[in-house]
């Protein structure tokens, strides 16, 4: 019977330790990981917004150049098409 009682006590002790560890992990997640993830998400969102704005500005600049000099744009497009065609053969 002592063996059974001793084993039962060890199981309860292990369960209590697991419960304490679980609480510590949850506290760590709440205190450290969640804010770090939120901060990273904010930085990523800001970077995406910035990159999106830069891409939009570049597209507008190219569009303006094409409107200002359509013949040059056509020649550049034809040259790029010719080069791609040569490379794909």
N, C-alpha and C. Protein backbone atom coordinates (compact mmCIF):
# COMPACT_ATOMS: atom_id res chain seq x y z
N UNK A 1 0.80 -1.19 0.00
CA UNK A 1 0.00 0.00 0.00
C UNK A 1 0.85 1.26 0.00
N UNK A 2 2.00 1.23 0.66
CA UNK A 2 2.86 2.41 0.69
C UNK A 2 3.34 2.75 -0.70
N UNK A 3 3.59 1.73 -1.50
CA UNK A 3 4.04 1.98 -2.87
C UNK A 3 2.95 2.71 -3.65
N UNK A 4 1.72 2.26 -3.49
CA UNK A 4 0.60 2.88 -4.20
C UNK A 4 0.39 4.30 -3.71
N UNK A 5 0.46 4.50 -2.41
CA UNK A 5 0.29 5.84 -1.84
C UNK A 5 1.42 6.75 -2.29
N UNK A 6 2.64 6.23 -2.29
CA UNK A 6 3.81 7.01 -2.72
C UNK A 6 3.69 7.38 -4.21
N UNK A 7 3.29 6.42 -5.03
CA UNK A 7 3.13 6.67 -6.46
C UNK A 7 2.03 7.69 -6.69
N UNK A 8 0.93 7.57 -5.96
CA UNK A 8 -0.18 8.51 -6.09
C UNK A 8 0.26 9.92 -5.70
N UNK A 9 1.06 10.02 -4.66
CA UNK A 9 1.58 11.32 -4.21
C UNK A 9 2.50 11.94 -5.27
N UNK A 10 3.32 11.11 -5.91
CA UNK A 10 4.22 11.60 -6.95
C UNK A 10 3.43 12.09 -8.16
N UNK A 11 2.37 11.37 -8.50
CA UNK A 11 1.54 11.77 -9.63
C UNK A 11 0.88 13.11 -9.33
N UNK A 12 0.36 13.27 -8.14
CA UNK A 12 -0.27 14.54 -7.76
C UNK A 12 0.75 15.67 -7.76
N UNK A 13 1.96 15.39 -7.29
CA UNK A 13 3.03 16.39 -7.28
C UNK A 13 3.39 16.79 -8.70
N UNK A 14 3.49 15.81 -9.59
CA UNK A 14 3.82 16.10 -10.99
C UNK A 14 2.70 16.92 -11.63
N UNK A 15 1.45 16.59 -11.33
CA UNK A 15 0.33 17.35 -11.88
C UNK A 15 0.35 18.80 -11.37
N UNK A 16 0.70 18.98 -10.11
CA UNK A 16 0.78 20.34 -9.54
C UNK A 16 1.91 21.12 -10.21
N UNK A 17 3.04 20.47 -10.46
CA UNK A 17 4.15 21.13 -11.14
C UNK A 17 3.76 21.51 -12.57
N UNK A 18 3.07 20.62 -13.24
CA UNK A 18 2.62 20.91 -14.61
C UNK A 18 1.66 22.10 -14.60
N UNK A 19 0.76 22.14 -13.62
CA UNK A 19 -0.19 23.26 -13.53
C UNK A 19 0.57 24.57 -13.29
N UNK A 20 1.58 24.56 -12.42
CA UNK A 20 2.37 25.77 -12.17
C UNK A 20 3.13 26.19 -13.43
N UNK A 21 3.71 25.23 -14.12
CA UNK A 21 4.42 25.54 -15.37
C UNK A 21 3.47 26.13 -16.41
N UNK A 22 2.30 25.56 -16.51
CA UNK A 22 1.30 26.07 -17.46
C UNK A 22 0.95 27.53 -17.13
N UNK A 23 0.77 27.82 -15.85
CA UNK A 23 0.47 29.20 -15.43
C UNK A 23 1.62 30.14 -15.77
N UNK A 24 2.85 29.67 -15.54
CA UNK A 24 4.01 30.49 -15.85
C UNK A 24 4.13 30.75 -17.35
N UNK A 25 3.88 29.73 -18.16
CA UNK A 25 3.95 29.89 -19.61
C UNK A 25 2.86 30.87 -20.08
N UNK A 26 1.67 30.73 -19.54
CA UNK A 26 0.58 31.64 -19.92
C UNK A 26 0.91 33.08 -19.52
N UNK A 27 1.50 33.26 -18.34
CA UNK A 27 1.88 34.60 -17.91
C UNK A 27 2.97 35.17 -18.81
N UNK A 28 3.93 34.32 -19.17
CA UNK A 28 5.00 34.75 -20.06
C UNK A 28 4.44 35.14 -21.42
N UNK A 29 3.53 34.35 -21.94
CA UNK A 29 2.90 34.67 -23.23
C UNK A 29 2.18 36.01 -23.14
N UNK A 30 1.44 36.21 -22.06
CA UNK A 30 0.67 37.44 -21.91
C UNK A 30 1.58 38.65 -21.73
N UNK A 31 2.64 38.49 -20.97
CA UNK A 31 3.51 39.63 -20.63
C UNK A 31 4.55 39.94 -21.70
N UNK A 32 5.07 38.93 -22.35
CA UNK A 32 6.20 39.16 -23.26
C UNK A 32 5.90 38.88 -24.72
N UNK A 33 5.36 37.72 -25.01
CA UNK A 33 5.21 37.29 -26.40
C UNK A 33 4.11 38.07 -27.10
N UNK A 34 2.96 38.19 -26.49
CA UNK A 34 1.84 38.87 -27.13
C UNK A 34 2.18 40.33 -27.47
N UNK A 35 2.77 41.11 -26.55
CA UNK A 35 3.15 42.47 -26.94
C UNK A 35 4.20 42.51 -28.05
N UNK A 36 5.14 41.57 -28.03
CA UNK A 36 6.17 41.54 -29.07
C UNK A 36 5.54 41.23 -30.43
N UNK A 37 4.60 40.31 -30.45
CA UNK A 37 3.93 39.98 -31.71
C UNK A 37 3.10 41.16 -32.19
N UNK A 38 2.43 41.84 -31.27
CA UNK A 38 1.63 43.01 -31.64
C UNK A 38 2.52 44.12 -32.19
N UNK A 39 3.68 44.32 -31.57
CA UNK A 39 4.62 45.34 -32.06
C UNK A 39 5.14 44.96 -33.45
N UNK A 40 5.48 43.70 -33.64
CA UNK A 40 5.95 43.25 -34.95
C UNK A 40 4.87 43.43 -36.01
N UNK A 41 3.63 43.10 -35.65
CA UNK A 41 2.52 43.26 -36.60
C UNK A 41 2.35 44.73 -36.97
N UNK A 42 2.50 45.61 -36.00
CA UNK A 42 2.40 47.04 -36.29
C UNK A 42 3.51 47.50 -37.22
N UNK A 43 4.72 47.03 -36.98
CA UNK A 43 5.83 47.39 -37.86
C UNK A 43 5.62 46.85 -39.27
N UNK A 44 5.15 45.61 -39.36
CA UNK A 44 4.91 45.01 -40.67
C UNK A 44 3.83 45.77 -41.42
N UNK A 45 2.78 46.15 -40.73
CA UNK A 45 1.70 46.92 -41.36
C UNK A 45 2.21 48.25 -41.86
N UNK A 46 3.04 48.91 -41.07
CA UNK A 46 3.62 50.19 -41.46
C UNK A 46 4.52 50.02 -42.69
N UNK A 47 5.31 48.96 -42.71
CA UNK A 47 6.19 48.70 -43.85
C UNK A 47 5.39 48.43 -45.11
N UNK A 48 4.31 47.68 -44.98
CA UNK A 48 3.47 47.38 -46.14
C UNK A 48 2.83 48.66 -46.66
N UNK A 49 2.35 49.49 -45.75
CA UNK A 49 1.74 50.76 -46.15
C UNK A 49 2.76 51.64 -46.87
N UNK A 50 3.98 51.68 -46.35
CA UNK A 50 5.04 52.48 -46.95
C UNK A 50 5.41 51.95 -48.34
N UNK A 51 5.57 50.64 -48.45
CA UNK A 51 5.92 50.03 -49.73
C UNK A 51 4.80 50.23 -50.75
N UNK A 52 3.58 50.13 -50.30
CA UNK A 52 2.44 50.33 -51.18
C UNK A 52 2.42 51.76 -51.70
N UNK A 53 2.69 52.71 -50.83
CA UNK A 53 2.74 54.11 -51.25
C UNK A 53 3.87 54.36 -52.24
N UNK A 54 5.02 53.77 -51.99
CA UNK A 54 6.16 53.94 -52.90
C UNK A 54 5.86 53.33 -54.26
N UNK A 55 5.24 52.16 -54.28
CA UNK A 55 4.90 51.52 -55.56
C UNK A 55 3.88 52.36 -56.32
N UNK A 56 2.90 52.90 -55.60
CA UNK A 56 1.90 53.75 -56.23
C UNK A 56 2.54 55.01 -56.82
N UNK A 57 3.47 55.61 -56.08
CA UNK A 57 4.17 56.80 -56.57
C UNK A 57 4.99 56.49 -57.81
N UNK A 58 5.68 55.35 -57.82
CA UNK A 58 6.48 54.97 -58.98
C UNK A 58 5.59 54.70 -60.20
N UNK A 59 4.46 54.05 -59.98
CA UNK A 59 3.54 53.77 -61.08
C UNK A 59 3.01 55.08 -61.67
N UNK A 60 2.71 56.05 -60.82
CA UNK A 60 2.24 57.35 -61.30
C UNK A 60 3.35 58.07 -62.07
N UNK A 61 4.58 57.96 -61.60
CA UNK A 61 5.70 58.61 -62.28
C UNK A 61 5.91 57.99 -63.67
N UNK A 62 5.86 56.68 -63.76
CA UNK A 62 6.02 56.00 -65.06
C UNK A 62 4.86 56.37 -65.98
N UNK A 63 3.67 56.39 -65.43
CA UNK A 63 2.50 56.75 -66.23
C UNK A 63 2.63 58.18 -66.76
N UNK A 64 3.13 59.07 -65.95
CA UNK A 64 3.34 60.46 -66.40
C UNK A 64 4.38 60.54 -67.50
N UNK A 65 5.45 59.77 -67.39
CA UNK A 65 6.49 59.76 -68.42
C UNK A 65 5.96 59.21 -69.74
N UNK A 66 5.13 58.16 -69.64
CA UNK A 66 4.55 57.58 -70.85
C UNK A 66 3.64 58.59 -71.54
N UNK A 67 2.85 59.32 -70.74
CA UNK A 67 1.99 60.35 -71.33
C UNK A 67 2.80 61.47 -71.96
N UNK A 68 3.92 61.82 -71.33
CA UNK A 68 4.75 62.92 -71.85
C UNK A 68 5.52 62.50 -73.10
N UNK A 69 5.98 61.25 -73.16
CA UNK A 69 6.81 60.79 -74.28
C UNK A 69 6.32 59.42 -74.75
N UNK A 70 5.17 59.38 -75.46
CA UNK A 70 4.60 58.08 -75.84
C UNK A 70 5.45 57.32 -76.86
N UNK A 71 6.13 58.00 -77.77
CA UNK A 71 6.93 57.29 -78.76
C UNK A 71 8.11 56.57 -78.12
N UNK A 72 8.75 57.22 -77.18
CA UNK A 72 9.87 56.58 -76.47
C UNK A 72 9.36 55.36 -75.70
N UNK A 73 8.19 55.50 -75.07
CA UNK A 73 7.61 54.38 -74.32
C UNK A 73 7.33 53.21 -75.25
N UNK A 74 6.81 53.50 -76.44
CA UNK A 74 6.52 52.42 -77.40
C UNK A 74 7.82 51.75 -77.84
N UNK A 75 8.87 52.53 -78.09
CA UNK A 75 10.15 51.95 -78.51
C UNK A 75 10.75 51.09 -77.40
N UNK A 76 10.67 51.56 -76.18
CA UNK A 76 11.20 50.78 -75.05
C UNK A 76 10.41 49.47 -74.91
N UNK A 77 9.08 49.55 -75.01
CA UNK A 77 8.25 48.35 -74.89
C UNK A 77 8.58 47.36 -76.01
N UNK A 78 8.79 47.87 -77.22
CA UNK A 78 9.13 47.00 -78.34
C UNK A 78 10.49 46.34 -78.12
N UNK A 79 11.46 47.11 -77.63
CA UNK A 79 12.80 46.55 -77.38
C UNK A 79 12.75 45.48 -76.29
N UNK A 80 12.00 45.74 -75.24
CA UNK A 80 11.88 44.76 -74.16
C UNK A 80 11.20 43.50 -74.69
N UNK A 81 10.16 43.67 -75.48
CA UNK A 81 9.48 42.52 -76.07
C UNK A 81 10.40 41.71 -76.97
N UNK A 82 11.20 42.40 -77.76
CA UNK A 82 12.14 41.72 -78.65
C UNK A 82 13.16 40.92 -77.84
N UNK A 83 13.69 41.54 -76.78
CA UNK A 83 14.70 40.87 -75.93
C UNK A 83 14.08 39.64 -75.28
N UNK A 84 12.89 39.78 -74.75
CA UNK A 84 12.22 38.63 -74.09
C UNK A 84 11.98 37.53 -75.13
N UNK A 85 11.56 37.94 -76.33
CA UNK A 85 11.36 36.94 -77.39
C UNK A 85 12.64 36.20 -77.75
N UNK A 86 13.74 36.89 -77.81
CA UNK A 86 15.04 36.26 -78.12
C UNK A 86 15.47 35.30 -77.01
N UNK A 87 15.23 35.72 -75.78
CA UNK A 87 15.64 34.88 -74.64
C UNK A 87 14.78 33.63 -74.55
N UNK A 88 13.52 33.72 -74.91
CA UNK A 88 12.59 32.59 -74.77
C UNK A 88 12.81 31.52 -75.87
N UNK A 89 13.52 31.83 -76.92
CA UNK A 89 13.72 30.86 -78.00
C UNK A 89 14.59 29.75 -77.58
